[in-house]
Every structure is written in structure tokens, then in C-alpha cells.
Amino acid sequence: MKKITIYVEGGGDTSALRGKCRRAFSSFLEKAGFVGKMPKIVACGSRNAAFDSFCIAKRQGNNALLLIDSEAPVQSISVNPWEHLKNRDDWDRPQNATEDDCHLMVQVTETWFFADVSALEQYFGNGFNANALPKRTNIEEIPKHDIESALNDATKNTKKKDYSKGRDSFEILANIDPAKVTQKSPWANRFVVMLSESV
């Protein structure tokens, strides 16, 4: 079987940030139990770039997965992710791609951080206010627009003063506990379980 390549959204427009993104997802997956059977991770920058790269890989017959933000609520874990992307982005499932090839971070990557508040406290240090974070049991229900504002509210009395995606997101992603994330995020759990069945 050809090695799996995961095309992920993230890393912006610079090679340095894309490198940080790639290393962060690698760290997350290593802690999730993929040491010795790691997929290749390609940080693509934008959602569109990730989708386009994934489509090219599938056309070439490669063993590829897509991992991107849903950018909006997803009705349930039983929803076909391609249906969500068709409705939201008017993206068609590429030929040769299956439902199991598409994975969503619901609603954005930062949603995963809310599963491991202790990692946020450790990263931001003194002054971090965990009480400013949403108290929803299902972290995937936290609206996208509430995510960054909550992180900014929680960090305003820390040395960093706020949450900065480029500065902070991949450092945090590399340090959160995948077990906590998969417990609280059904879509993250789907991703990790399906990946483990494929490598």
C-alpha cells in the first residue's frame, strides 16, 4: 500500500509557517499512537489550496486524505463530509475519492484546543483565565466567531496579551492531548480512528 499523504489546511503563505503547521500535526499524530507508521503531512495554507492539492493527488492515484476546517456547524457525525463541503463551498467530491478520505475539523482547528484547557494554561502561563472559555460540553458546537474572541478574552492578562494564530496555534496544537481531543470532538475521533485503520 502506498504511504498515506494528508493534505491539511494551515500554514498560511510562508514556508516557515507551513513547516510549523506540518510539525504540529506530526506531533499530534505521534502522541495519538502513529509513531512508526506516520503518514506524510503536507501543510497547504488555505482551504482551497488543500482541496486543490488533494484533488490532484487523487487524480494521480495517490493514497490521500483531506483535513480541513468545516468553517461552520456540521449537523451530525453521520453527515457525509463531502455533502457539507458541497453545500458550503460548492466543492464536488473528486473522482476516486471516498467519504472516508475527507475529514473535518469542526468548526476550526482551534476548536480542538478547548478539549485540553490544561495545555492552554501551560502554554499561556500566569494570567490565563480559563473561565473566559465557553463551557459547552460539545466543543464542536462552539461557533467559529466565538473561538478566537474567547481565546483573546482568556489571554488578555498573560504575557502574550492575546491569541495570535500565526504565533500560537501550531505551538498549542503540538502540545494538546489527542486523547482529550478525540473524547470531546467526534470528528477528530473519526479522523484518528479511520487513519489508524488505514496505516
Protein backbone atom coordinates (compact mmCIF):
# COMPACT_ATOMS: atom_id res chain seq x y z
CA MET A 1 0.00 0.00 0.00
CA LYS A 2 1.24 3.47 -0.88
CA LYS A 3 2.01 5.70 2.10
CA ILE A 4 -0.89 7.95 3.03
CA THR A 5 -0.45 11.68 2.45
CA ILE A 6 -2.65 14.05 4.45
CA TYR A 7 -3.31 17.43 2.86
CA VAL A 8 -4.08 19.80 5.72
CA GLU A 9 -5.36 23.34 5.83
CA GLY A 10 -2.96 25.63 7.64
CA GLY A 11 0.37 27.36 7.49
CA GLY A 12 -0.56 30.50 5.61
CA ASP A 13 1.62 31.80 2.81
CA THR A 14 5.12 31.29 4.20
CA SER A 15 7.28 28.19 4.18
CA ALA A 16 8.22 28.81 7.81
CA LEU A 17 4.60 28.74 8.97
CA ARG A 18 3.81 25.73 6.81
CA GLY A 19 6.77 23.96 8.42
CA LYS A 20 5.39 24.76 11.87
CA CYS A 21 1.98 23.51 10.79
CA ARG A 22 3.40 20.25 9.46
CA ARG A 23 5.43 19.64 12.61
CA ALA A 24 2.45 20.41 14.86
CA PHE A 25 0.18 17.90 13.14
CA SER A 26 3.04 15.37 13.18
CA SER A 27 3.43 15.85 16.93
CA PHE A 28 -0.32 15.45 17.44
CA LEU A 29 -0.39 12.21 15.45
CA GLU A 30 2.71 10.80 17.12
CA LYS A 31 1.04 11.28 20.51
CA ALA A 32 -2.11 9.70 19.07
CA GLY A 33 -0.17 6.47 18.52
CA PHE A 34 1.19 6.72 14.98
CA VAL A 35 4.89 6.53 15.80
CA GLY A 36 6.48 4.16 13.30
CA LYS A 37 3.55 4.40 10.90
CA MET A 38 3.30 8.12 10.33
CA PRO A 39 1.54 9.42 7.24
CA LYS A 40 3.15 12.18 5.21
CA ILE A 41 1.69 15.57 6.12
CA VAL A 42 1.51 18.40 3.61
CA ALA A 43 0.60 21.82 5.02
CA CYS A 44 -1.16 23.59 2.17
CA GLY A 45 -2.04 27.02 3.53
CA SER A 46 -5.61 27.88 2.57
CA ARG A 47 -8.62 25.57 2.44
CA ASN A 48 -8.78 26.00 -1.33
CA ALA A 49 -5.11 25.08 -1.70
CA ALA A 50 -5.59 21.98 0.45
CA PHE A 51 -8.60 20.88 -1.59
CA ASP A 52 -6.84 21.53 -4.90
CA SER A 53 -3.74 19.58 -3.82
CA PHE A 54 -5.89 16.70 -2.59
CA CYS A 55 -7.78 16.60 -5.90
CA ILE A 56 -4.54 16.47 -7.88
CA ALA A 57 -3.25 13.65 -5.67
CA LYS A 58 -6.43 11.61 -6.18
CA ARG A 59 -6.28 12.13 -9.94
CA GLN A 60 -2.76 10.76 -9.86
CA GLY A 61 -3.96 7.69 -7.99
CA ASN A 62 -2.25 8.54 -4.73
CA ASN A 63 -3.39 7.42 -1.28
CA ALA A 64 -4.51 10.80 0.04
CA LEU A 65 -6.68 12.29 2.80
CA LEU A 66 -8.02 15.81 3.18
CA LEU A 67 -8.16 17.50 6.61
CA ILE A 68 -9.71 20.97 6.66
CA ASP A 69 -11.83 23.27 8.81
CA SER A 70 -15.57 22.88 8.36
CA GLU A 71 -15.84 26.67 8.91
CA ALA A 72 -19.44 26.13 10.05
CA PRO A 73 -21.53 23.75 12.16
CA VAL A 74 -21.96 20.22 10.86
CA GLN A 75 -25.31 18.70 11.65
CA SER A 76 -24.00 15.38 12.99
CA ILE A 77 -21.14 12.93 12.78
CA SER A 78 -23.25 10.83 10.39
CA VAL A 79 -23.20 13.58 7.74
CA ASN A 80 -21.13 12.80 4.66
CA PRO A 81 -18.36 15.45 4.83
CA TRP A 82 -18.49 15.88 1.06
CA GLU A 83 -22.14 16.95 1.40
CA HIS A 84 -21.09 19.62 3.89
CA LEU A 85 -18.37 20.88 1.54
CA LYS A 86 -20.75 20.85 -1.41
CA ASN A 87 -23.33 22.88 0.50
CA ARG A 88 -20.85 25.34 1.97
CA ASP A 89 -18.18 25.67 -0.72
CA ASP A 90 -19.80 24.12 -3.81
CA TRP A 91 -16.96 21.60 -3.93
CA ASP A 92 -17.60 18.32 -5.70
CA ARG A 93 -16.12 15.10 -4.40
CA PRO A 94 -13.25 14.29 -6.74
CA GLN A 95 -13.33 11.10 -8.73
CA ASN A 96 -11.63 8.23 -6.87
CA ALA A 97 -12.24 9.93 -3.50
CA THR A 98 -14.41 8.25 -0.90
CA GLU A 99 -16.31 9.59 2.09
CA ASP A 100 -13.53 8.20 4.29
CA ASP A 101 -10.91 10.33 2.51
CA CYS A 102 -12.42 13.60 3.76
CA HIS A 103 -12.02 14.83 7.35
CA LEU A 104 -13.27 17.99 9.02
CA MET A 105 -12.02 19.99 11.97
CA VAL A 106 -15.35 21.19 13.31
CA GLN A 107 -15.56 24.10 13.27
CA VAL A 108 -11.91 25.22 13.07
CA THR A 109 -8.54 23.86 14.19
CA GLU A 110 -8.70 25.93 17.37
CA THR A 111 -11.83 24.04 18.41
CA TRP A 112 -9.54 21.16 19.37
CA PHE A 113 -7.76 23.41 21.90
CA PHE A 114 -10.90 23.65 24.02
CA ALA A 115 -10.66 19.91 24.70
CA ASP A 116 -7.41 20.40 26.61
CA VAL A 117 -7.64 23.53 28.73
CA SER A 118 -4.63 22.43 30.81
CA ALA A 119 -2.45 22.66 27.68
CA LEU A 120 -3.71 26.22 27.11
CA GLU A 121 -2.97 27.11 30.74
CA GLN A 122 0.53 25.69 30.46
CA TYR A 123 1.25 27.47 27.18
CA PHE A 124 -0.03 30.93 28.15
CA GLY A 125 1.08 30.77 31.78
CA ASN A 126 0.22 33.21 34.55
CA GLY A 127 -2.88 35.30 33.99
CA PHE A 128 -4.64 32.82 31.74
CA ASN A 129 -8.36 32.91 32.56
CA ALA A 130 -9.94 29.55 31.80
CA ASN A 131 -13.30 30.90 32.99
CA ALA A 132 -13.44 33.06 29.84
CA LEU A 133 -13.69 29.93 27.67
CA PRO A 134 -17.08 28.57 26.54
CA LYS A 135 -18.48 25.87 28.81
CA ARG A 136 -20.14 23.76 26.11
CA THR A 137 -19.81 20.01 26.58
CA ASN A 138 -19.73 19.53 22.82
CA ILE A 139 -16.85 21.72 21.70
CA GLU A 140 -17.91 21.32 18.06
CA GLU A 141 -20.98 23.44 18.81
CA ILE A 142 -18.87 26.48 19.70
CA PRO A 143 -19.48 28.97 16.87
CA LYS A 144 -16.42 29.86 14.83
CA HIS A 145 -16.72 33.57 15.67
CA ASP A 146 -16.67 32.77 19.41
CA ILE A 147 -13.46 30.76 19.27
CA GLU A 148 -10.89 33.49 18.74
CA SER A 149 -12.72 36.06 20.87
CA ALA A 150 -12.79 33.58 23.76
CA LEU A 151 -9.08 32.89 23.38
CA ASN A 152 -8.39 36.63 23.35
CA ASP A 153 -10.50 37.15 26.47
CA ALA A 154 -8.75 34.29 28.26
CA THR A 155 -5.25 35.54 27.40
CA LYS A 156 -5.52 39.32 27.82
CA ASN A 157 -3.85 39.24 31.26
CA THR A 158 -1.00 36.96 30.17
CA LYS A 159 2.44 37.99 28.92
CA LYS A 160 1.30 37.35 25.35
CA LYS A 161 -1.68 39.74 25.82
CA ASP A 162 -3.82 37.99 23.19
CA TYR A 163 -4.16 34.98 20.93
CA SER A 164 -2.25 35.20 17.65
CA LYS A 165 -2.92 32.42 15.17
CA GLY A 166 0.47 32.58 13.48
CA ARG A 167 2.39 32.84 16.74
CA ASP A 168 0.38 30.47 18.91
CA SER A 169 -1.78 27.97 17.03
CA PHE A 170 0.82 25.41 15.99
CA GLU A 171 2.68 25.58 19.31
CA ILE A 172 -0.59 24.73 21.06
CA LEU A 173 -1.58 22.04 18.54
CA ALA A 174 1.76 20.31 19.08
CA ASN A 175 1.13 20.13 22.83
CA ILE A 176 -2.55 19.22 23.23
CA ASP A 177 -3.52 15.70 24.26
CA PRO A 178 -5.07 13.74 21.35
CA ALA A 179 -6.94 11.51 23.79
CA LYS A 180 -8.76 14.53 25.21
CA VAL A 181 -9.44 15.89 21.73
CA THR A 182 -10.89 12.65 20.37
CA GLN A 183 -13.00 12.25 23.51
CA LYS A 184 -14.62 15.66 23.07
CA SER A 185 -14.62 16.03 19.29
CA PRO A 186 -16.49 13.31 17.36
CA TRP A 187 -15.00 14.48 14.06
CA ALA A 188 -11.46 14.38 15.45
CA ASN A 189 -12.18 10.89 16.73
CA ARG A 190 -13.44 9.87 13.29
CA PHE A 191 -10.21 11.16 11.74
CA VAL A 192 -7.91 9.33 14.15
CA VAL A 193 -9.88 6.07 14.05
CA MET A 194 -10.11 5.97 10.26
CA LEU A 195 -6.45 6.88 9.89
CA SER A 196 -5.45 4.10 12.28
CA GLU A 197 -7.41 1.62 10.16
CA SER A 198 -5.59 2.77 7.02
CA VAL A 199 -1.92 2.73 8.01
